[in-house]
Amino acid sequence: MSNETRPLTSTPWAEIDKRVRRVDEDRWISSRFAPAAQRRALTALYALNYELVRVQEVVTEETLGLIRFQWWREAISEIESGGKPRGHDVCLAIAEEAAAGRLKTGALQKLVDGYQTAFVDQDRTKEPEVWVALTAANILIPVHNWAEEIRSVSAAYAAVRRKAGHAFGPHVTPAPKPLRPAIAHFRLRKLYCEGKSPNPISKRFSIMKAMNTGEV
């Protein structure tokens, strides 16, 4: 029996995990296949992504939206400079994973910038879905040669998930096994482009197949 213990944490990981599962089930299911440490980093990334996505959903005035984006930008900057993270649970998660070297604050700032651009332009096609996927992939493998495939498939997945398109998108070679927990949910584009709303069981079956074969 291992005597290894997990470091003490004040981050409410269970609550954050439940939230990501509720609001972003596709990515949450894929992340279950990641090693425990990287899984937390993915959870923190997806939790931040949700906070940024929901600005578009709950705010109608541009000024109020910009205030929210600036709040996150400053919160991430404070974490980067070694300051005490703000009381928001996602800030606590980001700080913990950044301190462990699994999340890069520069990548998170770029995520904020991308969502702000989409919000200001009122154009959801400009949301940085590709950057979310690339950041997730880099959590698992900092250096890989699958960036172009991620860019092309992520764009197709995002479009059909938003019901903004019906094209399956490009066929790519099987994804490297270590990357799959960050991108296995892309396989769901097959169901989405057929106009289906997959239930949790069909999602898990599809993502499991992607994990086993690398076909996303």
N, C-alpha and C. Protein backbone atom coordinates (compact mmCIF):
# COMPACT_ATOMS: atom_id res chain seq x y z
N MET A 1 0.84 -1.19 0.00
CA MET A 1 0.00 0.00 0.00
C MET A 1 0.87 1.24 0.00
N SER A 2 0.54 2.20 -0.87
CA SER A 2 1.35 3.41 -0.99
C SER A 2 1.10 4.33 0.20
N ASN A 3 2.19 4.97 0.70
CA ASN A 3 2.07 5.95 1.77
C ASN A 3 1.98 7.37 1.23
N GLU A 4 1.91 7.51 -0.09
CA GLU A 4 1.86 8.84 -0.70
C GLU A 4 0.54 9.52 -0.35
N THR A 5 0.62 10.77 0.05
CA THR A 5 -0.58 11.54 0.37
C THR A 5 -0.65 12.76 -0.52
N ARG A 6 -1.88 13.22 -0.78
CA ARG A 6 -2.08 14.42 -1.59
C ARG A 6 -1.86 15.65 -0.72
N PRO A 7 -1.15 16.66 -1.21
CA PRO A 7 -0.93 17.88 -0.43
C PRO A 7 -2.26 18.51 -0.02
N LEU A 8 -2.26 19.14 1.17
CA LEU A 8 -3.46 19.81 1.64
C LEU A 8 -3.82 20.95 0.69
N THR A 9 -5.11 21.18 0.51
CA THR A 9 -5.55 22.22 -0.40
C THR A 9 -6.79 22.89 0.16
N SER A 10 -6.90 24.19 -0.07
CA SER A 10 -8.10 24.93 0.33
C SER A 10 -9.05 25.10 -0.85
N THR A 11 -8.67 24.56 -1.99
CA THR A 11 -9.50 24.67 -3.19
C THR A 11 -10.65 23.67 -3.12
N PRO A 12 -11.88 24.13 -3.30
CA PRO A 12 -13.03 23.21 -3.26
C PRO A 12 -13.17 22.43 -4.57
N TRP A 13 -12.26 21.49 -4.77
CA TRP A 13 -12.19 20.79 -6.05
C TRP A 13 -13.48 20.02 -6.36
N ALA A 14 -14.09 19.43 -5.36
CA ALA A 14 -15.30 18.65 -5.61
C ALA A 14 -16.41 19.53 -6.17
N GLU A 15 -16.56 20.74 -5.63
CA GLU A 15 -17.60 21.64 -6.12
C GLU A 15 -17.29 22.13 -7.53
N ILE A 16 -16.04 22.45 -7.78
CA ILE A 16 -15.65 22.89 -9.11
C ILE A 16 -15.88 21.78 -10.12
N ASP A 17 -15.49 20.57 -9.73
CA ASP A 17 -15.67 19.43 -10.62
C ASP A 17 -17.14 19.20 -10.96
N LYS A 18 -18.01 19.30 -9.97
CA LYS A 18 -19.44 19.15 -10.21
C LYS A 18 -19.95 20.21 -11.18
N ARG A 19 -19.45 21.41 -11.04
CA ARG A 19 -19.89 22.50 -11.92
C ARG A 19 -19.47 22.24 -13.35
N VAL A 20 -18.22 21.84 -13.54
CA VAL A 20 -17.75 21.56 -14.90
C VAL A 20 -18.56 20.42 -15.50
N ARG A 21 -18.83 19.41 -14.71
CA ARG A 21 -19.63 18.29 -15.21
C ARG A 21 -21.01 18.76 -15.66
N ARG A 22 -21.59 19.70 -14.93
CA ARG A 22 -22.94 20.19 -15.25
C ARG A 22 -22.95 21.08 -16.49
N VAL A 23 -21.94 21.94 -16.62
CA VAL A 23 -21.99 22.95 -17.69
C VAL A 23 -21.19 22.58 -18.93
N ASP A 24 -20.29 21.60 -18.80
CA ASP A 24 -19.42 21.26 -19.93
C ASP A 24 -19.13 19.76 -19.89
N GLU A 25 -20.21 18.99 -20.01
CA GLU A 25 -20.10 17.54 -19.82
C GLU A 25 -19.14 16.89 -20.81
N ASP A 26 -19.12 17.37 -22.05
CA ASP A 26 -18.25 16.76 -23.07
C ASP A 26 -16.80 16.76 -22.61
N ARG A 27 -16.30 17.94 -22.29
CA ARG A 27 -14.90 18.03 -21.87
C ARG A 27 -14.69 17.32 -20.54
N TRP A 28 -15.67 17.39 -19.66
CA TRP A 28 -15.53 16.74 -18.36
C TRP A 28 -15.32 15.23 -18.53
N ILE A 29 -16.11 14.60 -19.40
CA ILE A 29 -15.96 13.16 -19.60
C ILE A 29 -14.56 12.84 -20.12
N SER A 30 -14.10 13.58 -21.12
CA SER A 30 -12.76 13.33 -21.65
C SER A 30 -11.70 13.47 -20.57
N SER A 31 -11.85 14.47 -19.72
CA SER A 31 -10.83 14.73 -18.69
C SER A 31 -10.74 13.63 -17.66
N ARG A 32 -11.76 12.79 -17.54
CA ARG A 32 -11.72 11.69 -16.57
C ARG A 32 -10.62 10.70 -16.89
N PHE A 33 -10.16 10.68 -18.14
CA PHE A 33 -9.15 9.72 -18.56
C PHE A 33 -7.72 10.26 -18.35
N ALA A 34 -7.60 11.49 -17.88
CA ALA A 34 -6.28 12.07 -17.64
C ALA A 34 -5.73 11.61 -16.30
N PRO A 35 -4.41 11.58 -16.14
CA PRO A 35 -3.83 11.30 -14.82
C PRO A 35 -4.37 12.30 -13.80
N ALA A 36 -4.42 11.92 -12.53
CA ALA A 36 -5.08 12.73 -11.50
C ALA A 36 -4.59 14.18 -11.45
N ALA A 37 -3.28 14.38 -11.49
CA ALA A 37 -2.75 15.74 -11.39
C ALA A 37 -3.17 16.59 -12.58
N GLN A 38 -3.01 16.05 -13.77
CA GLN A 38 -3.40 16.78 -14.97
C GLN A 38 -4.91 16.96 -15.06
N ARG A 39 -5.65 16.02 -14.48
CA ARG A 39 -7.11 16.14 -14.49
C ARG A 39 -7.55 17.39 -13.74
N ARG A 40 -6.88 17.69 -12.63
CA ARG A 40 -7.22 18.90 -11.90
C ARG A 40 -6.91 20.15 -12.71
N ALA A 41 -5.80 20.13 -13.42
CA ALA A 41 -5.46 21.28 -14.25
C ALA A 41 -6.49 21.48 -15.35
N LEU A 42 -6.94 20.38 -15.96
CA LEU A 42 -7.98 20.47 -16.98
C LEU A 42 -9.28 21.00 -16.38
N THR A 43 -9.60 20.55 -15.17
CA THR A 43 -10.82 21.02 -14.51
C THR A 43 -10.75 22.51 -14.24
N ALA A 44 -9.60 23.00 -13.79
CA ALA A 44 -9.44 24.44 -13.55
C ALA A 44 -9.57 25.22 -14.86
N LEU A 45 -8.98 24.71 -15.92
CA LEU A 45 -9.06 25.37 -17.22
C LEU A 45 -10.51 25.44 -17.69
N TYR A 46 -11.23 24.35 -17.60
CA TYR A 46 -12.61 24.31 -18.09
C TYR A 46 -13.54 25.14 -17.19
N ALA A 47 -13.22 25.22 -15.91
CA ALA A 47 -14.01 26.06 -15.02
C ALA A 47 -13.83 27.54 -15.38
N LEU A 48 -12.61 27.94 -15.67
CA LEU A 48 -12.37 29.31 -16.12
C LEU A 48 -13.06 29.55 -17.46
N ASN A 49 -12.97 28.59 -18.35
CA ASN A 49 -13.60 28.73 -19.65
C ASN A 49 -15.11 29.00 -19.50
N TYR A 50 -15.73 28.30 -18.58
CA TYR A 50 -17.16 28.50 -18.34
C TYR A 50 -17.44 29.92 -17.84
N GLU A 51 -16.62 30.40 -16.93
CA GLU A 51 -16.83 31.76 -16.40
C GLU A 51 -16.74 32.79 -17.53
N LEU A 52 -15.87 32.55 -18.49
CA LEU A 52 -15.71 33.49 -19.60
C LEU A 52 -16.84 33.34 -20.62
N VAL A 53 -17.26 32.11 -20.89
CA VAL A 53 -18.36 31.86 -21.82
C VAL A 53 -19.64 32.52 -21.33
N ARG A 54 -19.89 32.42 -20.03
CA ARG A 54 -21.16 32.89 -19.51
C ARG A 54 -21.30 34.41 -19.52
N VAL A 55 -20.20 35.14 -19.71
CA VAL A 55 -20.32 36.59 -19.87
C VAL A 55 -21.21 36.89 -21.07
N GLN A 56 -20.99 36.17 -22.16
CA GLN A 56 -21.79 36.33 -23.37
C GLN A 56 -23.26 35.98 -23.09
N GLU A 57 -23.48 35.06 -22.18
CA GLU A 57 -24.83 34.56 -21.94
C GLU A 57 -25.63 35.40 -20.96
N VAL A 58 -24.96 36.09 -20.03
CA VAL A 58 -25.71 36.79 -18.98
C VAL A 58 -25.57 38.30 -19.03
N VAL A 59 -24.64 38.83 -19.82
CA VAL A 59 -24.41 40.27 -19.88
C VAL A 59 -24.80 40.81 -21.24
N THR A 60 -25.56 41.89 -21.27
CA THR A 60 -25.97 42.50 -22.54
C THR A 60 -25.26 43.83 -22.79
N GLU A 61 -24.83 44.51 -21.74
CA GLU A 61 -24.15 45.80 -21.90
C GLU A 61 -22.65 45.57 -22.04
N GLU A 62 -22.07 46.18 -23.07
CA GLU A 62 -20.65 45.96 -23.34
C GLU A 62 -19.78 46.38 -22.17
N THR A 63 -20.09 47.51 -21.56
CA THR A 63 -19.26 48.01 -20.46
C THR A 63 -19.22 47.02 -19.30
N LEU A 64 -20.37 46.45 -18.96
CA LEU A 64 -20.41 45.48 -17.87
C LEU A 64 -19.63 44.22 -18.23
N GLY A 65 -19.70 43.82 -19.49
CA GLY A 65 -18.94 42.66 -19.92
C GLY A 65 -17.44 42.91 -19.83
N LEU A 66 -17.02 44.09 -20.25
CA LEU A 66 -15.60 44.42 -20.19
C LEU A 66 -15.09 44.45 -18.76
N ILE A 67 -15.95 44.89 -17.84
CA ILE A 67 -15.57 44.89 -16.42
C ILE A 67 -15.31 43.47 -15.95
N ARG A 68 -16.16 42.55 -16.36
CA ARG A 68 -15.97 41.15 -15.95
C ARG A 68 -14.68 40.57 -16.52
N PHE A 69 -14.43 40.82 -17.79
CA PHE A 69 -13.20 40.30 -18.39
C PHE A 69 -11.97 40.91 -17.70
N GLN A 70 -12.05 42.19 -17.39
CA GLN A 70 -10.92 42.84 -16.73
C GLN A 70 -10.70 42.26 -15.34
N TRP A 71 -11.78 41.90 -14.65
CA TRP A 71 -11.65 41.28 -13.33
C TRP A 71 -10.85 40.00 -13.43
N TRP A 72 -11.15 39.18 -14.41
CA TRP A 72 -10.42 37.92 -14.58
C TRP A 72 -8.98 38.18 -15.01
N ARG A 73 -8.80 39.18 -15.86
CA ARG A 73 -7.44 39.50 -16.31
C ARG A 73 -6.57 39.91 -15.12
N GLU A 74 -7.11 40.74 -14.26
CA GLU A 74 -6.36 41.19 -13.09
C GLU A 74 -6.16 40.05 -12.09
N ALA A 75 -7.17 39.21 -11.93
CA ALA A 75 -7.05 38.08 -11.00
C ALA A 75 -5.92 37.15 -11.43
N ILE A 76 -5.83 36.89 -12.73
CA ILE A 76 -4.77 36.01 -13.24
C ILE A 76 -3.40 36.67 -13.10
N SER A 77 -3.34 37.98 -13.33
CA SER A 77 -2.08 38.71 -13.18
C SER A 77 -1.58 38.66 -11.75
N GLU A 78 -2.50 38.78 -10.79
CA GLU A 78 -2.12 38.71 -9.38
C GLU A 78 -1.55 37.34 -9.03
N ILE A 79 -2.15 36.30 -9.60
CA ILE A 79 -1.63 34.95 -9.38
C ILE A 79 -0.23 34.82 -9.99
N GLU A 80 -0.08 35.35 -11.18
CA GLU A 80 1.22 35.27 -11.86
C GLU A 80 2.32 35.96 -11.05
N SER A 81 1.96 37.06 -10.38
CA SER A 81 2.96 37.82 -9.62
C SER A 81 3.18 37.25 -8.23
N GLY A 82 2.49 36.18 -7.91
CA GLY A 82 2.68 35.53 -6.62
C GLY A 82 1.79 36.06 -5.51
N GLY A 83 0.82 36.88 -5.87
CA GLY A 83 -0.09 37.42 -4.87
C GLY A 83 -1.11 36.39 -4.41
N LYS A 84 -1.79 36.73 -3.33
CA LYS A 84 -2.83 35.85 -2.81
C LYS A 84 -3.99 35.82 -3.79
N PRO A 85 -4.46 34.63 -4.18
CA PRO A 85 -5.57 34.58 -5.14
C PRO A 85 -6.85 35.14 -4.55
N ARG A 86 -7.67 35.69 -5.40
CA ARG A 86 -8.96 36.20 -4.97
C ARG A 86 -9.84 35.07 -4.46
N GLY A 87 -10.92 35.43 -3.77
CA GLY A 87 -11.73 34.44 -3.08
C GLY A 87 -12.55 33.53 -3.97
N HIS A 88 -12.66 33.83 -5.24
CA HIS A 88 -13.43 32.98 -6.16
C HIS A 88 -12.78 31.60 -6.24
N ASP A 89 -13.60 30.55 -6.20
CA ASP A 89 -13.02 29.20 -6.17
C ASP A 89 -12.20 28.89 -7.42
N VAL A 90 -12.56 29.45 -8.56
CA VAL A 90 -11.77 29.20 -9.77
C VAL A 90 -10.39 29.86 -9.66
N CYS A 91 -10.32 31.01 -9.00
CA CYS A 91 -9.02 31.64 -8.77
C CYS A 91 -8.15 30.75 -7.90
N LEU A 92 -8.74 30.14 -6.89
CA LEU A 92 -7.98 29.23 -6.03
C LEU A 92 -7.45 28.04 -6.83
N ALA A 93 -8.29 27.51 -7.71
CA ALA A 93 -7.87 26.38 -8.54
C ALA A 93 -6.75 26.76 -9.49
N ILE A 94 -6.90 27.91 -10.13
CA ILE A 94 -5.86 28.37 -11.06
C ILE A 94 -4.54 28.58 -10.31
N ALA A 95 -4.62 29.21 -9.15
CA ALA A 95 -3.40 29.48 -8.39
C ALA A 95 -2.68 28.19 -8.02
N GLU A 96 -3.44 27.21 -7.59
CA GLU A 96 -2.84 25.94 -7.20
C GLU A 96 -2.16 25.25 -8.37
N GLU A 97 -2.84 25.23 -9.50
CA GLU A 97 -2.29 24.54 -10.67
C GLU A 97 -1.16 25.34 -11.33
N ALA A 98 -1.24 26.66 -11.25
CA ALA A 98 -0.14 27.48 -11.77
C ALA A 98 1.11 27.29 -10.92
N ALA A 99 0.93 27.24 -9.60
CA ALA A 99 2.07 27.03 -8.71
C ALA A 99 2.73 25.68 -8.95
N ALA A 100 1.93 24.70 -9.36
CA ALA A 100 2.47 23.37 -9.65
C ALA A 100 3.07 23.28 -11.05
N GLY A 101 2.93 24.35 -11.83
CA GLY A 101 3.50 24.38 -13.17
C GLY A 101 2.66 23.71 -14.23
N ARG A 102 1.42 23.36 -13.88
CA ARG A 102 0.57 22.67 -14.85
C ARG A 102 -0.31 23.63 -15.67
N LEU A 103 -0.50 24.84 -15.17
CA LEU A 103 -1.24 25.86 -15.92
C LEU A 103 -0.33 27.06 -16.13
N LYS A 104 -0.35 27.62 -17.33
CA LYS A 104 0.44 28.80 -17.65
C LYS A 104 -0.48 30.01 -17.67
N THR A 105 -0.16 31.00 -16.85
CA THR A 105 -1.04 32.17 -16.76
C THR A 105 -1.10 32.93 -18.08
N GLY A 106 -0.03 32.91 -18.84
CA GLY A 106 -0.05 33.59 -20.14
C GLY A 106 -1.10 32.99 -21.07
N ALA A 107 -1.22 31.66 -21.03
CA ALA A 107 -2.23 30.99 -21.85
C ALA A 107 -3.64 31.36 -21.39
N LEU A 108 -3.82 31.52 -20.09
CA LEU A 108 -5.14 31.88 -19.57
C LEU A 108 -5.50 33.32 -19.93
N GLN A 109 -4.51 34.21 -19.93
CA GLN A 109 -4.77 35.60 -20.34
C GLN A 109 -5.20 35.65 -21.81
N LYS A 110 -4.58 34.81 -22.61
CA LYS A 110 -4.97 34.76 -24.02
C LYS A 110 -6.40 34.27 -24.17
N LEU A 111 -6.83 33.39 -23.28
CA LEU A 111 -8.20 32.90 -23.29
C LEU A 111 -9.16 34.05 -22.97
N VAL A 112 -8.83 34.86 -21.97
CA VAL A 112 -9.66 36.02 -21.62
C VAL A 112 -9.76 36.97 -22.81
N ASP A 113 -8.62 37.24 -23.44
CA ASP A 113 -8.62 38.15 -24.59
C ASP A 113 -9.52 37.64 -25.71
N GLY A 114 -9.45 36.34 -25.97
CA GLY A 114 -10.25 35.77 -27.04
C GLY A 114 -11.74 35.89 -26.78
N TYR A 115 -12.16 35.60 -25.56
CA TYR A 115 -13.58 35.71 -25.25
C TYR A 115 -14.05 37.17 -25.25
N GLN A 116 -13.17 38.06 -24.84
CA GLN A 116 -13.54 39.47 -24.88
C GLN A 116 -13.76 39.94 -26.32
N THR A 117 -12.89 39.53 -27.22
CA THR A 117 -13.04 39.89 -28.63
C THR A 117 -14.37 39.37 -29.17
N ALA A 118 -14.69 38.13 -28.88
CA ALA A 118 -15.95 37.55 -29.35
C ALA A 118 -17.15 38.30 -28.77
N PHE A 119 -17.03 38.70 -27.50
CA PHE A 119 -18.12 39.42 -26.84
C PHE A 119 -18.32 40.80 -27.45
N VAL A 120 -17.24 41.52 -27.62
CA VAL A 120 -17.33 42.88 -28.17
C VAL A 120 -17.86 42.86 -29.60
N ASP A 121 -17.40 41.88 -30.38
CA ASP A 121 -17.84 41.78 -31.78
C ASP A 121 -19.18 41.07 -31.92
N GLN A 122 -19.69 40.55 -30.80
CA GLN A 122 -20.94 39.79 -30.82
C GLN A 122 -20.90 38.69 -31.89
N ASP A 123 -19.80 37.96 -31.88
CA ASP A 123 -19.56 36.92 -32.87
C ASP A 123 -19.00 35.69 -32.18
N ARG A 124 -19.85 34.71 -31.93
CA ARG A 124 -19.42 33.54 -31.18
C ARG A 124 -18.44 32.66 -31.97
N THR A 125 -18.37 32.85 -33.28
CA THR A 125 -17.38 32.09 -34.05
C THR A 125 -15.96 32.51 -33.68
N LYS A 126 -15.83 33.66 -33.02
CA LYS A 126 -14.50 34.14 -32.61
C LYS A 126 -14.12 33.67 -31.21
N GLU A 127 -15.00 32.93 -30.55
CA GLU A 127 -14.64 32.41 -29.24
C GLU A 127 -13.45 31.46 -29.37
N PRO A 128 -12.51 31.54 -28.44
CA PRO A 128 -11.24 30.80 -28.59
C PRO A 128 -11.33 29.32 -28.25
N GLU A 129 -12.27 28.63 -28.89
CA GLU A 129 -12.42 27.18 -28.66
C GLU A 129 -11.14 26.43 -29.00
N VAL A 130 -10.49 26.87 -30.07
CA VAL A 130 -9.25 26.20 -30.48
C VAL A 130 -8.19 26.37 -29.40
N TRP A 131 -8.13 27.56 -28.82
CA TRP A 131 -7.11 27.81 -27.81
C TRP A 131 -7.37 27.00 -26.54
N VAL A 132 -8.64 26.81 -26.20
CA VAL A 132 -8.97 25.95 -25.06
C VAL A 132 -8.40 24.56 -25.30
N ALA A 133 -8.61 24.03 -26.49
CA ALA A 133 -8.14 22.68 -26.81
C ALA A 133 -6.62 22.60 -26.83
N LEU A 134 -5.97 23.60 -27.39
CA LEU A 134 -4.51 23.60 -27.44
C LEU A 134 -3.92 23.70 -26.03
N THR A 135 -4.53 24.53 -25.20
CA THR A 135 -4.06 24.67 -23.81
C THR A 135 -4.24 23.36 -23.06
N ALA A 136 -5.39 22.71 -23.25
CA ALA A 136 -5.63 21.42 -22.61
C ALA A 136 -4.60 20.39 -23.06
N ALA A 137 -4.34 20.36 -24.36
CA ALA A 137 -3.35 19.41 -24.89
C ALA A 137 -1.97 19.66 -24.29
N ASN A 138 -1.61 20.93 -24.15
CA ASN A 138 -0.29 21.25 -23.62
C ASN A 138 -0.15 20.91 -22.13
N ILE A 139 -1.28 20.84 -21.43
CA ILE A 139 -1.23 20.38 -20.04
C ILE A 139 -0.75 18.93 -19.99
N LEU A 140 -1.17 18.15 -20.96
CA LEU A 140 -0.83 16.73 -21.00
C LEU A 140 0.53 16.49 -21.64
N ILE A 141 0.80 17.18 -22.74
CA ILE A 141 2.10 17.06 -23.42
C ILE A 141 2.54 18.46 -23.83
N PRO A 142 3.51 19.05 -23.15
CA PRO A 142 3.94 20.41 -23.50
C PRO A 142 4.43 20.55 -24.94
N VAL A 143 5.03 19.49 -25.47
CA VAL A 143 5.53 19.54 -26.85
C VAL A 143 4.95 18.36 -27.62
N HIS A 144 4.25 18.66 -28.68
CA HIS A 144 3.67 17.60 -29.52
C HIS A 144 3.55 18.13 -30.94
N ASN A 145 3.21 17.27 -31.86
CA ASN A 145 3.12 17.67 -33.27
C ASN A 145 1.68 17.55 -33.79
N TRP A 146 0.72 17.76 -32.91
CA TRP A 146 -0.67 17.58 -33.31
C TRP A 146 -1.45 18.88 -33.29
N ALA A 147 -0.76 20.02 -33.26
CA ALA A 147 -1.44 21.31 -33.13
C ALA A 147 -2.35 21.61 -34.32
N GLU A 148 -1.89 21.34 -35.52
CA GLU A 148 -2.72 21.65 -36.70
C GLU A 148 -3.99 20.81 -36.72
N GLU A 149 -3.87 19.55 -36.35
CA GLU A 149 -5.06 18.70 -36.29
C GLU A 149 -6.04 19.21 -35.23
N ILE A 150 -5.50 19.63 -34.09
CA ILE A 150 -6.37 20.16 -33.04
C ILE A 150 -7.10 21.41 -33.52
N ARG A 151 -6.40 22.27 -34.19
CA ARG A 151 -7.03 23.51 -34.71
C ARG A 151 -8.18 23.18 -35.65
N SER A 152 -7.95 22.28 -36.57
CA SER A 152 -8.97 22.00 -37.58
C SER A 152 -10.16 21.26 -37.00
N VAL A 153 -9.91 20.26 -36.17
CA VAL A 153 -11.02 19.48 -35.62
C VAL A 153 -11.77 20.27 -34.56
N SER A 154 -11.08 21.05 -33.76
CA SER A 154 -11.73 21.84 -32.72
C SER A 154 -12.72 22.83 -33.32
N ALA A 155 -12.35 23.45 -34.42
CA ALA A 155 -13.26 24.41 -35.06
C ALA A 155 -14.53 23.72 -35.53
N ALA A 156 -14.39 22.52 -36.09
CA ALA A 156 -15.57 21.79 -36.56
C ALA A 156 -16.44 21.36 -35.40
N TYR A 157 -15.82 20.88 -34.33
CA TYR A 157 -16.57 20.46 -33.14
C TYR A 157 -17.34 21.64 -32.55
N ALA A 158 -16.67 22.79 -32.43
CA ALA A 158 -17.32 23.97 -31.83
C ALA A 158 -18.53 24.40 -32.64
N ALA A 159 -18.41 24.36 -33.96
CA ALA A 159 -19.50 24.80 -34.82
C ALA A 159 -20.73 23.91 -34.68
N VAL A 160 -20.52 22.60 -34.72
CA VAL A 160 -21.69 21.71 -34.65
C VAL A 160 -22.27 21.67 -33.23
N ARG A 161 -21.42 21.87 -32.24
CA ARG A 161 -21.94 21.90 -30.86
C ARG A 161 -22.82 23.12 -30.65
N ARG A 162 -22.46 24.25 -31.26
CA ARG A 162 -23.28 25.47 -31.16
C ARG A 162 -24.46 25.46 -32.11
N LYS A 163 -24.56 24.39 -32.91
CA LYS A 163 -25.58 24.30 -33.96
C LYS A 163 -25.41 25.41 -34.99
N ALA A 164 -24.15 25.81 -35.19
CA ALA A 164 -23.84 26.83 -36.18
C ALA A 164 -23.36 26.21 -37.49
N GLY A 165 -23.36 24.88 -37.57
CA GLY A 165 -22.92 24.19 -38.77
C GLY A 165 -23.32 22.74 -38.68
N HIS A 166 -23.21 22.06 -39.81
CA HIS A 166 -23.59 20.64 -39.86
C HIS A 166 -22.48 19.78 -40.47
N ALA A 167 -21.34 20.38 -40.75
CA ALA A 167 -20.26 19.64 -41.38
C ALA A 167 -19.45 18.86 -40.34
N PHE A 168 -19.14 17.61 -40.66
CA PHE A 168 -18.35 16.78 -39.76
C PHE A 168 -16.96 17.35 -39.60
N GLY A 169 -16.43 17.95 -40.65
CA GLY A 169 -15.09 18.51 -40.59
C GLY A 169 -14.05 17.52 -41.08
N PRO A 170 -12.78 17.83 -40.85
CA PRO A 170 -11.70 17.03 -41.42
C PRO A 170 -11.55 15.67 -40.76
N HIS A 171 -11.11 14.71 -41.56
CA HIS A 171 -10.69 13.41 -41.03
C HIS A 171 -9.18 13.50 -40.77
N VAL A 172 -8.77 13.09 -39.60
CA VAL A 172 -7.35 13.20 -39.23
C VAL A 172 -6.84 11.84 -38.79
N THR A 173 -5.54 11.72 -38.73
CA THR A 173 -4.93 10.48 -38.26
C THR A 173 -5.22 10.30 -36.78
N PRO A 174 -5.16 9.08 -36.27
CA PRO A 174 -5.43 8.86 -34.84
C PRO A 174 -4.57 9.74 -33.95
N ALA A 175 -5.20 10.30 -32.93
CA ALA A 175 -4.49 11.20 -32.01
C ALA A 175 -3.52 10.42 -31.14
N PRO A 176 -2.39 11.02 -30.80
CA PRO A 176 -1.46 10.36 -29.88
C PRO A 176 -2.16 10.04 -28.56
N LYS A 177 -1.87 8.89 -28.02
CA LYS A 177 -2.59 8.42 -26.83
C LYS A 177 -2.52 9.39 -25.66
N PRO A 178 -1.37 10.00 -25.33
CA PRO A 178 -1.33 10.90 -24.18
C PRO A 178 -2.20 12.15 -24.34
N LEU A 179 -2.51 12.54 -25.58
CA LEU A 179 -3.32 13.73 -25.82
C LEU A 179 -4.82 13.48 -25.71
N ARG A 180 -5.21 12.25 -25.78
CA ARG A 180 -6.64 11.93 -25.95
C ARG A 180 -7.54 12.45 -24.84
N PRO A 181 -7.11 12.50 -23.57
CA PRO A 181 -8.02 13.04 -22.54
C PRO A 181 -8.37 14.51 -22.75
N ALA A 182 -7.60 15.21 -23.59
CA ALA A 182 -7.89 16.62 -23.86
C ALA A 182 -8.79 16.81 -25.07
N ILE A 183 -8.91 15.77 -25.92
CA ILE A 183 -9.60 15.98 -27.19
C ILE A 183 -10.56 14.86 -27.57
N ALA A 184 -10.71 13.83 -26.75
CA ALA A 184 -11.55 12.69 -27.13
C ALA A 184 -12.99 13.10 -27.40
N HIS A 185 -13.46 14.16 -26.74
CA HIS A 185 -14.84 14.62 -26.95
C HIS A 185 -15.09 15.16 -28.35
N PHE A 186 -14.03 15.43 -29.11
CA PHE A 186 -14.22 15.89 -30.49
C PHE A 186 -15.00 14.85 -31.30
N ARG A 187 -14.90 13.60 -30.90
CA ARG A 187 -15.60 12.55 -31.64
C ARG A 187 -17.13 12.77 -31.60
N LEU A 188 -17.61 13.49 -30.62
CA LEU A 188 -19.04 13.75 -30.52
C LEU A 188 -19.56 14.60 -31.67
N ARG A 189 -18.67 15.20 -32.44
CA ARG A 189 -19.12 16.00 -33.59
C ARG A 189 -19.93 15.14 -34.56
N LYS A 190 -19.64 13.84 -34.60
CA LYS A 190 -20.40 12.94 -35.47
C LYS A 190 -21.87 12.95 -35.08
N LEU A 191 -22.14 12.90 -33.78
CA LEU A 191 -23.52 12.91 -33.30
C LEU A 191 -24.14 14.30 -33.46
N TYR A 192 -23.39 15.32 -33.13
CA TYR A 192 -23.92 16.68 -33.22
C TYR A 192 -24.25 17.07 -34.66
N CYS A 193 -23.40 16.67 -35.61
CA CYS A 193 -23.65 17.09 -37.00
C CYS A 193 -24.81 16.33 -37.61
N GLU A 194 -25.22 15.26 -36.95
CA GLU A 194 -26.42 14.53 -37.38
C GLU A 194 -27.68 15.09 -36.74
N GLY A 195 -27.51 16.19 -36.00
CA GLY A 195 -28.64 16.82 -35.36
C GLY A 195 -29.09 16.15 -34.09
N LYS A 196 -28.27 15.28 -33.54
CA LYS A 196 -28.64 14.55 -32.35
C LYS A 196 -28.20 15.30 -31.09
N SER A 197 -28.91 15.08 -30.01
CA SER A 197 -28.52 15.58 -28.69
C SER A 197 -28.16 14.36 -27.85
N PRO A 198 -26.91 13.96 -27.89
CA PRO A 198 -26.53 12.71 -27.23
C PRO A 198 -26.74 12.75 -25.72
N ASN A 199 -27.20 11.63 -25.17
CA ASN A 199 -27.37 11.54 -23.72
C ASN A 199 -26.04 11.14 -23.09
N PRO A 200 -25.95 11.21 -21.76
CA PRO A 200 -24.67 10.90 -21.11
C PRO A 200 -24.09 9.54 -21.45
N ILE A 201 -24.95 8.54 -21.64
CA ILE A 201 -24.45 7.20 -21.95
C ILE A 201 -23.84 7.16 -23.34
N SER A 202 -24.53 7.74 -24.33
CA SER A 202 -23.99 7.73 -25.69
C SER A 202 -22.73 8.58 -25.78
N LYS A 203 -22.66 9.64 -24.99
CA LYS A 203 -21.44 10.45 -24.97
C LYS A 203 -20.28 9.62 -24.44
N ARG A 204 -20.50 8.92 -23.37
CA ARG A 204 -19.43 8.13 -22.78
C ARG A 204 -18.98 7.01 -23.72
N PHE A 205 -19.91 6.40 -24.41
CA PHE A 205 -19.55 5.34 -25.36
C PHE A 205 -18.70 5.91 -26.49
N SER A 206 -19.10 7.06 -27.02
CA SER A 206 -18.36 7.67 -28.12
C SER A 206 -16.97 8.11 -27.68
N ILE A 207 -16.89 8.74 -26.51
CA ILE A 207 -15.60 9.21 -26.02
C ILE A 207 -14.69 8.05 -25.66
N MET A 208 -15.26 6.99 -25.10
CA MET A 208 -14.46 5.80 -24.80
C MET A 208 -13.85 5.22 -26.08
N LYS A 209 -14.63 5.22 -27.16
CA LYS A 209 -14.09 4.72 -28.42
C LYS A 209 -12.94 5.60 -28.90
N ALA A 210 -13.11 6.92 -28.74
CA ALA A 210 -12.02 7.83 -29.14
C ALA A 210 -10.79 7.58 -28.30
N MET A 211 -10.96 7.32 -27.02
CA MET A 211 -9.82 7.04 -26.16
C MET A 211 -9.12 5.75 -26.59
N ASN A 212 -9.87 4.77 -27.00
CA ASN A 212 -9.29 3.48 -27.37
C ASN A 212 -8.61 3.50 -28.74
N THR A 213 -9.17 4.28 -29.66
CA THR A 213 -8.67 4.25 -31.04
C THR A 213 -7.91 5.51 -31.45
N GLY A 214 -8.14 6.62 -30.75
CA GLY A 214 -7.56 7.89 -31.17
C GLY A 214 -8.30 8.56 -32.29
N GLU A 215 -9.42 7.96 -32.73
CA GLU A 215 -10.18 8.53 -33.83
C GLU A 215 -11.17 9.57 -33.28
N VAL A 216 -10.85 10.83 -33.54
CA VAL A 216 -11.71 11.90 -33.06
C VAL A 216 -12.40 12.63 -34.22
